[in-house]
Amino acid sequence: MKTIQIKAVKRADYGKKAAKSIRREGQVPCVLYGGSENVAFSVDAKSLKPLIYTPNSYIVELDIDGKVEKAVLREVQFHPVREEILHVDFYRIQDGKPVSISIPVRLTGNAEGVKVGGKLTLSARKLFVSGMLDKLPDEIVVDVTPLKVGQTIFVGDLKFDGLQFLSPATQAVCAVRVTRASRGAAAESAEA
């Protein structure tokens, strides 16, 4: 899985007043959870943009005052009007334990239903999975070639070695929807 490096500075002050002063300096207050202790730190707001404003998922290598910690992005809080990043939560990756992370979905192939006029729709852009760090893929590739009009691929239909899907098994990943063109093609084939 792809990694991204972010430099951070440990902070000693907590609370609303301290967070406001950190934000005025162009920094974002963050917390690293998991393991023996939680670590409060701040990060430059510009260094978070490649991590947050992307469809990809990353393993984050946080350089907190020289000590490197591997983590995953857990939650981001935005200002309701200005869309600036207010706070970020990271979760520490521990050796020998599975990692829970959202991974983007990519569709491949040309669906049978699309050839007769159906419309392919992607219902889940990311799926929440758990697996060991070395088994995590950059993306979940789903082959849609056998899909006919009106058929759907659910999370429960997907099988990947070393991955356990934490998204509900009944969640739709993609489907071929019925369109006017596909109804006309079905009617013509029924008449013939």
N, C-alpha and C. Protein backbone atom coordinates (compact mmCIF):
# COMPACT_ATOMS: atom_id res chain seq x y z
N MET A 1 0.83 -1.18 0.00
CA MET A 1 0.00 0.00 0.00
C MET A 1 0.88 1.25 0.00
N LYS A 2 0.41 2.31 -0.65
CA LYS A 2 1.17 3.56 -0.75
C LYS A 2 1.34 4.20 0.62
N THR A 3 2.47 4.87 0.80
CA THR A 3 2.70 5.59 2.05
C THR A 3 2.94 7.07 1.74
N ILE A 4 2.69 7.89 2.74
CA ILE A 4 2.91 9.33 2.63
C ILE A 4 3.57 9.79 3.92
N GLN A 5 4.59 10.65 3.81
CA GLN A 5 5.31 11.13 5.00
C GLN A 5 4.80 12.52 5.37
N ILE A 6 4.58 12.72 6.68
CA ILE A 6 4.14 14.02 7.19
C ILE A 6 4.98 14.37 8.41
N LYS A 7 5.53 15.60 8.41
CA LYS A 7 6.30 16.07 9.56
C LYS A 7 5.33 16.68 10.56
N ALA A 8 5.57 16.40 11.85
CA ALA A 8 4.68 16.88 12.91
C ALA A 8 5.50 17.37 14.10
N VAL A 9 4.86 18.21 14.91
CA VAL A 9 5.48 18.74 16.12
C VAL A 9 4.59 18.39 17.30
N LYS A 10 5.19 17.78 18.32
CA LYS A 10 4.43 17.39 19.51
C LYS A 10 3.94 18.66 20.22
N ARG A 11 2.73 18.60 20.78
CA ARG A 11 2.21 19.77 21.51
C ARG A 11 1.88 19.37 22.94
N ALA A 12 2.07 20.35 23.82
CA ALA A 12 1.83 20.10 25.24
C ALA A 12 0.51 20.71 25.71
N ASP A 13 0.05 21.75 25.02
CA ASP A 13 -1.18 22.44 25.43
C ASP A 13 -2.39 21.78 24.78
N TYR A 14 -3.45 21.65 25.58
CA TYR A 14 -4.69 21.05 25.10
C TYR A 14 -5.83 22.04 25.28
N GLY A 15 -6.97 21.74 24.70
CA GLY A 15 -8.16 22.56 24.90
C GLY A 15 -8.44 23.50 23.75
N LYS A 16 -9.56 24.18 23.87
CA LYS A 16 -10.07 25.04 22.82
C LYS A 16 -9.14 26.23 22.55
N LYS A 17 -8.65 26.86 23.61
CA LYS A 17 -7.80 28.03 23.47
C LYS A 17 -6.48 27.68 22.78
N ALA A 18 -5.88 26.57 23.19
CA ALA A 18 -4.62 26.12 22.58
C ALA A 18 -4.82 25.74 21.12
N ALA A 19 -5.95 25.08 20.81
CA ALA A 19 -6.23 24.68 19.43
C ALA A 19 -6.41 25.90 18.53
N LYS A 20 -7.07 26.94 19.04
CA LYS A 20 -7.26 28.17 18.25
C LYS A 20 -5.92 28.84 17.94
N SER A 21 -5.03 28.87 18.92
CA SER A 21 -3.73 29.51 18.69
C SER A 21 -2.91 28.70 17.69
N ILE A 22 -3.02 27.37 17.73
CA ILE A 22 -2.32 26.52 16.77
C ILE A 22 -2.85 26.77 15.36
N ARG A 23 -4.18 26.89 15.23
CA ARG A 23 -4.79 27.12 13.91
C ARG A 23 -4.40 28.49 13.34
N ARG A 24 -4.25 29.50 14.21
CA ARG A 24 -3.84 30.83 13.74
C ARG A 24 -2.45 30.81 13.12
N GLU A 25 -1.60 29.88 13.54
CA GLU A 25 -0.24 29.76 13.01
C GLU A 25 -0.20 28.93 11.73
N GLY A 26 -1.37 28.49 11.20
CA GLY A 26 -1.41 27.68 9.98
C GLY A 26 -1.20 26.20 10.24
N GLN A 27 -1.30 25.79 11.50
CA GLN A 27 -1.13 24.40 11.87
C GLN A 27 -2.51 23.77 12.15
N VAL A 28 -2.57 22.44 12.12
CA VAL A 28 -3.80 21.70 12.42
C VAL A 28 -3.52 20.81 13.63
N PRO A 29 -4.34 20.93 14.71
CA PRO A 29 -4.16 20.03 15.85
C PRO A 29 -4.58 18.61 15.48
N CYS A 30 -3.76 17.63 15.90
CA CYS A 30 -4.02 16.22 15.58
C CYS A 30 -3.80 15.37 16.83
N VAL A 31 -4.35 14.16 16.80
CA VAL A 31 -4.13 13.19 17.87
C VAL A 31 -3.87 11.83 17.23
N LEU A 32 -2.88 11.11 17.80
CA LEU A 32 -2.57 9.75 17.38
C LEU A 32 -3.06 8.81 18.47
N TYR A 33 -4.05 7.98 18.14
CA TYR A 33 -4.64 7.05 19.09
C TYR A 33 -4.06 5.66 18.90
N GLY A 34 -4.26 4.78 19.90
CA GLY A 34 -3.83 3.40 19.82
C GLY A 34 -2.52 3.18 20.53
N GLY A 35 -2.27 1.94 20.90
CA GLY A 35 -1.03 1.63 21.60
C GLY A 35 -1.10 2.00 23.07
N SER A 36 0.06 2.25 23.66
CA SER A 36 0.13 2.50 25.10
C SER A 36 -0.31 3.90 25.48
N GLU A 37 -0.05 4.89 24.63
CA GLU A 37 -0.44 6.26 24.97
C GLU A 37 -0.88 7.02 23.73
N ASN A 38 -1.75 8.01 23.93
CA ASN A 38 -2.18 8.88 22.85
C ASN A 38 -1.20 10.04 22.74
N VAL A 39 -0.92 10.47 21.52
CA VAL A 39 0.04 11.55 21.29
C VAL A 39 -0.68 12.71 20.63
N ALA A 40 -0.58 13.90 21.25
CA ALA A 40 -1.14 15.12 20.67
C ALA A 40 -0.02 15.85 19.93
N PHE A 41 -0.30 16.27 18.70
CA PHE A 41 0.71 16.96 17.89
C PHE A 41 0.02 17.90 16.92
N SER A 42 0.79 18.70 16.23
CA SER A 42 0.24 19.59 15.22
C SER A 42 1.01 19.40 13.92
N VAL A 43 0.31 19.66 12.81
CA VAL A 43 0.85 19.44 11.47
C VAL A 43 0.54 20.67 10.64
N ASP A 44 1.43 21.00 9.71
CA ASP A 44 1.18 22.09 8.78
C ASP A 44 -0.04 21.74 7.92
N ALA A 45 -0.98 22.67 7.78
CA ALA A 45 -2.23 22.42 7.05
C ALA A 45 -1.97 22.04 5.59
N LYS A 46 -0.94 22.62 4.98
CA LYS A 46 -0.64 22.33 3.57
C LYS A 46 -0.15 20.90 3.37
N SER A 47 0.53 20.33 4.37
CA SER A 47 1.05 18.97 4.23
C SER A 47 -0.06 17.92 4.32
N LEU A 48 -1.24 18.30 4.85
CA LEU A 48 -2.36 17.35 4.93
C LEU A 48 -3.16 17.25 3.64
N LYS A 49 -3.06 18.25 2.77
CA LYS A 49 -3.89 18.27 1.55
C LYS A 49 -3.70 17.07 0.66
N PRO A 50 -2.44 16.60 0.39
CA PRO A 50 -2.31 15.40 -0.46
C PRO A 50 -2.90 14.15 0.16
N LEU A 51 -3.05 14.13 1.48
CA LEU A 51 -3.61 12.97 2.16
C LEU A 51 -5.13 13.00 2.15
N ILE A 52 -5.72 14.17 2.33
CA ILE A 52 -7.17 14.29 2.50
C ILE A 52 -7.91 14.48 1.18
N TYR A 53 -7.40 15.35 0.31
CA TYR A 53 -8.09 15.66 -0.93
C TYR A 53 -7.64 14.74 -2.06
N THR A 54 -7.86 13.45 -1.89
CA THR A 54 -7.50 12.45 -2.89
C THR A 54 -8.44 11.26 -2.75
N PRO A 55 -8.71 10.55 -3.83
CA PRO A 55 -9.53 9.34 -3.71
C PRO A 55 -8.73 8.15 -3.17
N ASN A 56 -7.40 8.26 -3.14
CA ASN A 56 -6.54 7.15 -2.71
C ASN A 56 -6.50 7.03 -1.19
N SER A 57 -6.09 5.86 -0.72
CA SER A 57 -5.86 5.63 0.70
C SER A 57 -4.37 5.44 0.92
N TYR A 58 -3.88 5.96 2.03
CA TYR A 58 -2.45 5.90 2.32
C TYR A 58 -2.19 5.39 3.73
N ILE A 59 -1.02 4.77 3.90
CA ILE A 59 -0.45 4.54 5.22
C ILE A 59 0.39 5.79 5.50
N VAL A 60 0.16 6.42 6.65
CA VAL A 60 0.83 7.68 6.97
C VAL A 60 2.02 7.41 7.87
N GLU A 61 3.17 7.93 7.48
CA GLU A 61 4.36 7.88 8.33
C GLU A 61 4.52 9.24 8.97
N LEU A 62 4.14 9.34 10.25
CA LEU A 62 4.21 10.60 10.98
C LEU A 62 5.58 10.74 11.61
N ASP A 63 6.28 11.81 11.28
CA ASP A 63 7.58 12.11 11.89
C ASP A 63 7.32 13.13 12.99
N ILE A 64 7.07 12.62 14.22
CA ILE A 64 6.74 13.49 15.35
C ILE A 64 8.02 13.76 16.12
N ASP A 65 8.60 14.94 15.89
CA ASP A 65 9.85 15.35 16.54
C ASP A 65 10.94 14.28 16.42
N GLY A 66 11.09 13.70 15.22
CA GLY A 66 12.15 12.72 14.98
C GLY A 66 11.74 11.27 15.19
N LYS A 67 10.64 11.01 15.88
CA LYS A 67 10.18 9.64 16.09
C LYS A 67 9.12 9.31 15.02
N VAL A 68 9.36 8.28 14.22
CA VAL A 68 8.45 7.92 13.12
C VAL A 68 7.43 6.91 13.60
N GLU A 69 6.15 7.22 13.39
CA GLU A 69 5.03 6.34 13.74
C GLU A 69 4.23 6.06 12.48
N LYS A 70 3.86 4.79 12.27
CA LYS A 70 2.97 4.45 11.14
C LYS A 70 1.54 4.51 11.63
N ALA A 71 0.66 5.09 10.81
CA ALA A 71 -0.73 5.28 11.22
C ALA A 71 -1.64 5.30 9.99
N VAL A 72 -2.95 5.25 10.26
CA VAL A 72 -3.96 5.44 9.22
C VAL A 72 -4.83 6.62 9.62
N LEU A 73 -5.33 7.32 8.63
CA LEU A 73 -6.23 8.44 8.87
C LEU A 73 -7.58 7.90 9.33
N ARG A 74 -8.08 8.38 10.47
CA ARG A 74 -9.34 7.85 10.99
C ARG A 74 -10.49 8.85 10.80
N GLU A 75 -10.27 10.13 11.14
CA GLU A 75 -11.36 11.10 11.02
C GLU A 75 -10.79 12.50 10.81
N VAL A 76 -11.51 13.30 10.00
CA VAL A 76 -11.14 14.69 9.75
C VAL A 76 -12.34 15.56 10.05
N GLN A 77 -12.12 16.64 10.81
CA GLN A 77 -13.20 17.59 11.10
C GLN A 77 -12.92 18.87 10.32
N PHE A 78 -13.96 19.35 9.61
CA PHE A 78 -13.85 20.56 8.80
C PHE A 78 -14.68 21.68 9.41
N HIS A 79 -14.28 22.92 9.12
CA HIS A 79 -15.08 24.07 9.50
C HIS A 79 -16.35 24.04 8.65
N PRO A 80 -17.54 24.30 9.23
CA PRO A 80 -18.78 24.15 8.46
C PRO A 80 -18.96 25.15 7.32
N VAL A 81 -18.27 26.28 7.36
CA VAL A 81 -18.45 27.29 6.32
C VAL A 81 -17.22 27.41 5.43
N ARG A 82 -16.05 27.56 6.03
CA ARG A 82 -14.82 27.84 5.27
C ARG A 82 -14.15 26.59 4.72
N GLU A 83 -14.57 25.43 5.13
CA GLU A 83 -13.99 24.15 4.69
C GLU A 83 -12.52 24.01 5.03
N GLU A 84 -12.04 24.71 6.07
CA GLU A 84 -10.68 24.49 6.49
C GLU A 84 -10.65 23.31 7.46
N ILE A 85 -9.52 22.64 7.53
CA ILE A 85 -9.38 21.46 8.38
C ILE A 85 -9.19 21.93 9.82
N LEU A 86 -10.06 21.47 10.72
CA LEU A 86 -10.00 21.87 12.12
C LEU A 86 -9.22 20.88 12.99
N HIS A 87 -9.40 19.58 12.73
CA HIS A 87 -8.79 18.56 13.60
C HIS A 87 -8.70 17.25 12.82
N VAL A 88 -7.64 16.48 13.09
CA VAL A 88 -7.45 15.19 12.42
C VAL A 88 -7.12 14.12 13.46
N ASP A 89 -7.75 12.96 13.33
CA ASP A 89 -7.46 11.82 14.19
C ASP A 89 -6.76 10.75 13.37
N PHE A 90 -5.66 10.24 13.90
CA PHE A 90 -4.93 9.13 13.29
C PHE A 90 -5.00 7.94 14.24
N TYR A 91 -4.87 6.74 13.68
CA TYR A 91 -4.86 5.54 14.50
C TYR A 91 -3.56 4.80 14.23
N ARG A 92 -2.81 4.48 15.28
CA ARG A 92 -1.49 3.86 15.19
C ARG A 92 -1.60 2.43 14.64
N ILE A 93 -0.67 2.07 13.77
CA ILE A 93 -0.58 0.70 13.25
C ILE A 93 0.38 -0.06 14.16
N GLN A 94 -0.09 -1.18 14.71
CA GLN A 94 0.73 -1.98 15.61
C GLN A 94 1.21 -3.23 14.87
N ASP A 95 2.47 -3.59 15.11
CA ASP A 95 3.06 -4.75 14.43
C ASP A 95 2.30 -6.02 14.79
N GLY A 96 2.02 -6.84 13.78
CA GLY A 96 1.37 -8.13 14.01
C GLY A 96 -0.14 -8.05 14.17
N LYS A 97 -0.71 -6.85 14.09
CA LYS A 97 -2.16 -6.71 14.21
C LYS A 97 -2.74 -6.21 12.89
N PRO A 98 -3.98 -6.65 12.55
CA PRO A 98 -4.57 -6.20 11.29
C PRO A 98 -4.90 -4.70 11.32
N VAL A 99 -4.90 -4.11 10.13
CA VAL A 99 -5.18 -2.69 9.95
C VAL A 99 -6.56 -2.55 9.33
N SER A 100 -7.39 -1.65 9.86
CA SER A 100 -8.70 -1.35 9.29
C SER A 100 -8.60 -0.04 8.53
N ILE A 101 -8.97 -0.07 7.24
CA ILE A 101 -8.82 1.12 6.40
C ILE A 101 -9.83 1.07 5.25
N SER A 102 -10.22 2.23 4.74
CA SER A 102 -11.08 2.31 3.55
C SER A 102 -10.20 2.31 2.31
N ILE A 103 -10.52 1.42 1.37
CA ILE A 103 -9.73 1.29 0.15
C ILE A 103 -10.63 1.60 -1.06
N PRO A 104 -10.12 2.40 -2.03
CA PRO A 104 -10.94 2.74 -3.19
C PRO A 104 -11.24 1.52 -4.08
N VAL A 105 -12.38 1.59 -4.77
CA VAL A 105 -12.84 0.52 -5.67
C VAL A 105 -12.60 0.98 -7.11
N ARG A 106 -12.05 0.08 -7.94
CA ARG A 106 -11.88 0.37 -9.37
C ARG A 106 -12.55 -0.74 -10.17
N LEU A 107 -13.38 -0.36 -11.13
CA LEU A 107 -14.09 -1.33 -11.97
C LEU A 107 -13.30 -1.57 -13.24
N THR A 108 -13.23 -2.85 -13.67
CA THR A 108 -12.55 -3.19 -14.92
C THR A 108 -13.48 -4.05 -15.77
N GLY A 109 -13.22 -4.06 -17.06
CA GLY A 109 -14.01 -4.88 -17.98
C GLY A 109 -15.16 -4.10 -18.57
N ASN A 110 -15.81 -4.72 -19.56
CA ASN A 110 -16.96 -4.13 -20.23
C ASN A 110 -18.16 -5.03 -19.95
N ALA A 111 -19.10 -4.56 -19.16
CA ALA A 111 -20.24 -5.37 -18.73
C ALA A 111 -21.13 -5.75 -19.90
N GLU A 112 -21.67 -7.00 -19.86
CA GLU A 112 -22.59 -7.48 -20.89
C GLU A 112 -23.82 -6.59 -20.98
N GLY A 113 -24.33 -6.14 -19.85
CA GLY A 113 -25.53 -5.29 -19.83
C GLY A 113 -25.31 -3.93 -20.45
N VAL A 114 -24.10 -3.41 -20.39
CA VAL A 114 -23.79 -2.11 -20.99
C VAL A 114 -23.80 -2.24 -22.52
N LYS A 115 -23.39 -3.39 -23.04
CA LYS A 115 -23.36 -3.61 -24.49
C LYS A 115 -24.75 -3.57 -25.10
N VAL A 116 -25.79 -3.93 -24.31
CA VAL A 116 -27.16 -3.90 -24.84
C VAL A 116 -27.92 -2.65 -24.39
N GLY A 117 -27.19 -1.66 -23.86
CA GLY A 117 -27.82 -0.37 -23.55
C GLY A 117 -28.02 -0.06 -22.09
N GLY A 118 -27.59 -0.93 -21.17
CA GLY A 118 -27.72 -0.64 -19.74
C GLY A 118 -26.69 0.38 -19.30
N LYS A 119 -26.84 0.87 -18.08
CA LYS A 119 -25.92 1.88 -17.55
C LYS A 119 -25.22 1.32 -16.31
N LEU A 120 -23.88 1.31 -16.32
CA LEU A 120 -23.10 0.83 -15.19
C LEU A 120 -22.98 1.94 -14.15
N THR A 121 -23.35 1.63 -12.91
CA THR A 121 -23.25 2.61 -11.83
C THR A 121 -22.37 2.05 -10.72
N LEU A 122 -21.51 2.91 -10.18
CA LEU A 122 -20.65 2.55 -9.05
C LEU A 122 -21.32 3.08 -7.79
N SER A 123 -21.72 2.19 -6.90
CA SER A 123 -22.44 2.58 -5.69
C SER A 123 -21.51 2.84 -4.52
N ALA A 124 -20.37 2.16 -4.46
CA ALA A 124 -19.43 2.32 -3.35
C ALA A 124 -18.06 2.70 -3.89
N ARG A 125 -17.65 3.93 -3.65
CA ARG A 125 -16.34 4.39 -4.12
C ARG A 125 -15.21 3.80 -3.27
N LYS A 126 -15.49 3.55 -1.97
CA LYS A 126 -14.51 2.95 -1.07
C LYS A 126 -15.18 1.89 -0.23
N LEU A 127 -14.41 0.85 0.12
CA LEU A 127 -14.90 -0.21 1.00
C LEU A 127 -14.00 -0.30 2.22
N PHE A 128 -14.61 -0.51 3.37
CA PHE A 128 -13.87 -0.61 4.64
C PHE A 128 -13.43 -2.05 4.82
N VAL A 129 -12.11 -2.26 4.89
CA VAL A 129 -11.55 -3.62 4.99
C VAL A 129 -10.57 -3.70 6.16
N SER A 130 -10.25 -4.94 6.51
CA SER A 130 -9.25 -5.20 7.55
C SER A 130 -8.30 -6.25 7.02
N GLY A 131 -7.01 -6.06 7.28
CA GLY A 131 -6.01 -7.02 6.83
C GLY A 131 -4.64 -6.63 7.35
N MET A 132 -3.71 -7.55 7.21
CA MET A 132 -2.33 -7.26 7.61
C MET A 132 -1.75 -6.22 6.65
N LEU A 133 -0.83 -5.41 7.15
CA LEU A 133 -0.27 -4.29 6.40
C LEU A 133 0.31 -4.72 5.06
N ASP A 134 1.01 -5.87 5.02
CA ASP A 134 1.64 -6.31 3.77
C ASP A 134 0.63 -6.89 2.77
N LYS A 135 -0.60 -7.20 3.21
CA LYS A 135 -1.62 -7.77 2.32
C LYS A 135 -2.57 -6.70 1.76
N LEU A 136 -2.49 -5.45 2.26
CA LEU A 136 -3.43 -4.41 1.83
C LEU A 136 -3.10 -3.93 0.42
N PRO A 137 -4.07 -3.97 -0.50
CA PRO A 137 -3.84 -3.47 -1.86
C PRO A 137 -4.05 -1.96 -1.93
N ASP A 138 -3.56 -1.33 -3.01
CA ASP A 138 -3.80 0.10 -3.22
C ASP A 138 -5.24 0.36 -3.61
N GLU A 139 -5.86 -0.62 -4.29
CA GLU A 139 -7.26 -0.48 -4.69
C GLU A 139 -7.88 -1.87 -4.82
N ILE A 140 -9.21 -1.92 -4.71
CA ILE A 140 -9.94 -3.17 -4.87
C ILE A 140 -10.45 -3.20 -6.31
N VAL A 141 -9.95 -4.14 -7.10
CA VAL A 141 -10.31 -4.22 -8.52
C VAL A 141 -11.47 -5.20 -8.67
N VAL A 142 -12.58 -4.72 -9.25
CA VAL A 142 -13.77 -5.54 -9.44
C VAL A 142 -14.01 -5.70 -10.94
N ASP A 143 -14.06 -6.96 -11.43
CA ASP A 143 -14.34 -7.24 -12.84
C ASP A 143 -15.85 -7.27 -13.06
N VAL A 144 -16.34 -6.40 -13.95
CA VAL A 144 -17.79 -6.29 -14.17
C VAL A 144 -18.23 -6.95 -15.48
N THR A 145 -17.34 -7.69 -16.15
CA THR A 145 -17.65 -8.29 -17.45
C THR A 145 -18.91 -9.17 -17.44
N PRO A 146 -19.16 -10.05 -16.46
CA PRO A 146 -20.33 -10.92 -16.53
C PRO A 146 -21.67 -10.25 -16.15
N LEU A 147 -21.66 -8.99 -15.73
CA LEU A 147 -22.90 -8.34 -15.29
C LEU A 147 -23.86 -8.10 -16.45
N LYS A 148 -25.11 -8.57 -16.28
CA LYS A 148 -26.16 -8.31 -17.27
C LYS A 148 -27.07 -7.21 -16.74
N VAL A 149 -28.00 -6.76 -17.55
CA VAL A 149 -28.92 -5.69 -17.15
C VAL A 149 -29.72 -6.12 -15.92
N GLY A 150 -29.73 -5.27 -14.91
CA GLY A 150 -30.48 -5.56 -13.69
C GLY A 150 -29.70 -6.33 -12.64
N GLN A 151 -28.45 -6.69 -12.92
CA GLN A 151 -27.64 -7.43 -11.95
C GLN A 151 -26.77 -6.48 -11.13
N THR A 152 -26.43 -6.92 -9.91
CA THR A 152 -25.65 -6.12 -8.97
C THR A 152 -24.55 -6.98 -8.35
N ILE A 153 -23.40 -6.36 -8.10
CA ILE A 153 -22.33 -7.01 -7.33
C ILE A 153 -22.36 -6.43 -5.93
N PHE A 154 -22.48 -7.31 -4.93
CA PHE A 154 -22.52 -6.89 -3.53
C PHE A 154 -21.16 -7.16 -2.87
N VAL A 155 -20.93 -6.55 -1.71
CA VAL A 155 -19.69 -6.76 -0.97
C VAL A 155 -19.52 -8.24 -0.64
N GLY A 156 -20.60 -8.94 -0.32
CA GLY A 156 -20.54 -10.36 0.00
C GLY A 156 -20.07 -11.23 -1.16
N ASP A 157 -20.16 -10.73 -2.41
CA ASP A 157 -19.73 -11.47 -3.58
C ASP A 157 -18.21 -11.38 -3.80
N LEU A 158 -17.55 -10.43 -3.16
CA LEU A 158 -16.12 -10.20 -3.38
C LEU A 158 -15.27 -11.10 -2.50
N LYS A 159 -14.22 -11.65 -3.06
CA LYS A 159 -13.28 -12.49 -2.33
C LYS A 159 -11.86 -12.04 -2.67
N PHE A 160 -11.10 -11.67 -1.64
CA PHE A 160 -9.71 -11.28 -1.81
C PHE A 160 -8.89 -11.97 -0.73
N ASP A 161 -7.75 -12.53 -1.10
CA ASP A 161 -6.88 -13.21 -0.13
C ASP A 161 -6.33 -12.22 0.89
N GLY A 162 -6.44 -12.57 2.17
CA GLY A 162 -5.86 -11.75 3.22
C GLY A 162 -6.68 -10.54 3.61
N LEU A 163 -7.86 -10.36 3.00
CA LEU A 163 -8.71 -9.20 3.32
C LEU A 163 -10.03 -9.67 3.91
N GLN A 164 -10.46 -8.98 4.95
CA GLN A 164 -11.78 -9.22 5.51
C GLN A 164 -12.56 -7.93 5.31
N PHE A 165 -13.74 -8.04 4.70
CA PHE A 165 -14.55 -6.84 4.44
C PHE A 165 -15.35 -6.49 5.68
N LEU A 166 -15.19 -5.25 6.15
CA LEU A 166 -15.93 -4.75 7.30
C LEU A 166 -17.19 -4.02 6.86
N SER A 167 -17.29 -3.65 5.58
CA SER A 167 -18.52 -3.08 5.04
C SER A 167 -19.58 -4.18 5.05
N PRO A 168 -20.86 -3.84 5.21
CA PRO A 168 -21.91 -4.87 5.23
C PRO A 168 -21.93 -5.69 3.94
N ALA A 169 -22.18 -6.99 4.07
CA ALA A 169 -22.19 -7.89 2.91
C ALA A 169 -23.31 -7.56 1.94
N THR A 170 -24.36 -6.87 2.42
CA THR A 170 -25.50 -6.52 1.56
C THR A 170 -25.31 -5.19 0.86
N GLN A 171 -24.19 -4.51 1.08
CA GLN A 171 -23.93 -3.22 0.43
C GLN A 171 -23.60 -3.45 -1.03
N ALA A 172 -24.25 -2.70 -1.92
CA ALA A 172 -24.00 -2.82 -3.35
C ALA A 172 -22.70 -2.11 -3.72
N VAL A 173 -21.90 -2.75 -4.56
CA VAL A 173 -20.65 -2.15 -5.04
C VAL A 173 -20.89 -1.48 -6.38
N CYS A 174 -21.49 -2.23 -7.31
CA CYS A 174 -21.82 -1.68 -8.62
C CYS A 174 -23.00 -2.47 -9.20
N ALA A 175 -23.66 -1.87 -10.19
CA ALA A 175 -24.82 -2.51 -10.81
C ALA A 175 -24.97 -2.01 -12.24
N VAL A 176 -25.67 -2.81 -13.06
CA VAL A 176 -26.05 -2.36 -14.40
C VAL A 176 -27.54 -2.06 -14.34
N ARG A 177 -27.88 -0.80 -14.50
CA ARG A 177 -29.26 -0.34 -14.40
C ARG A 177 -29.97 -0.44 -15.75
N VAL A 178 -31.29 -0.57 -15.68
CA VAL A 178 -32.12 -0.63 -16.88
C VAL A 178 -32.30 0.79 -17.42
N THR A 179 -32.13 0.96 -18.73
CA THR A 179 -32.36 2.24 -19.39
C THR A 179 -33.39 2.04 -20.48
N ARG A 180 -33.84 3.11 -21.09
CA ARG A 180 -34.82 2.99 -22.20
C ARG A 180 -34.23 2.19 -23.35
N ALA A 181 -32.96 2.42 -23.64
CA ALA A 181 -32.31 1.70 -24.75
C ALA A 181 -32.27 0.19 -24.46
N SER A 182 -31.98 -0.19 -23.21
CA SER A 182 -31.91 -1.61 -22.89
C SER A 182 -33.30 -2.25 -22.90
N ARG A 183 -34.35 -1.47 -22.52
CA ARG A 183 -35.72 -2.00 -22.60
C ARG A 183 -36.11 -2.27 -24.04
N GLY A 184 -35.72 -1.35 -24.93
CA GLY A 184 -36.02 -1.53 -26.36
C GLY A 184 -35.30 -2.72 -26.94
N ALA A 185 -34.05 -2.95 -26.54
CA ALA A 185 -33.28 -4.09 -27.02
C ALA A 185 -33.88 -5.39 -26.49
N ALA A 186 -34.37 -5.38 -25.24
CA ALA A 186 -34.98 -6.58 -24.67
C ALA A 186 -36.30 -6.90 -25.37
N ALA A 187 -37.06 -5.86 -25.73
CA ALA A 187 -38.34 -6.07 -26.41
C ALA A 187 -38.10 -6.63 -27.83
N GLU A 188 -37.08 -6.11 -28.52
CA GLU A 188 -36.77 -6.61 -29.86
C GLU A 188 -36.33 -8.07 -29.84
N SER A 189 -35.52 -8.44 -28.84
CA SER A 189 -35.07 -9.82 -28.76
C SER A 189 -36.22 -10.75 -28.37
N ALA A 190 -37.22 -10.24 -27.61
CA ALA A 190 -38.37 -11.06 -27.23
C ALA A 190 -39.27 -11.29 -28.44
N GLU A 191 -39.41 -10.27 -29.32
CA GLU A 191 -40.23 -10.41 -30.53
C GLU A 191 -39.59 -11.40 -31.51
N ALA A 192 -38.27 -11.39 -31.57
CA ALA A 192 -37.58 -12.28 -32.52
C ALA A 192 -37.68 -13.69 -32.01
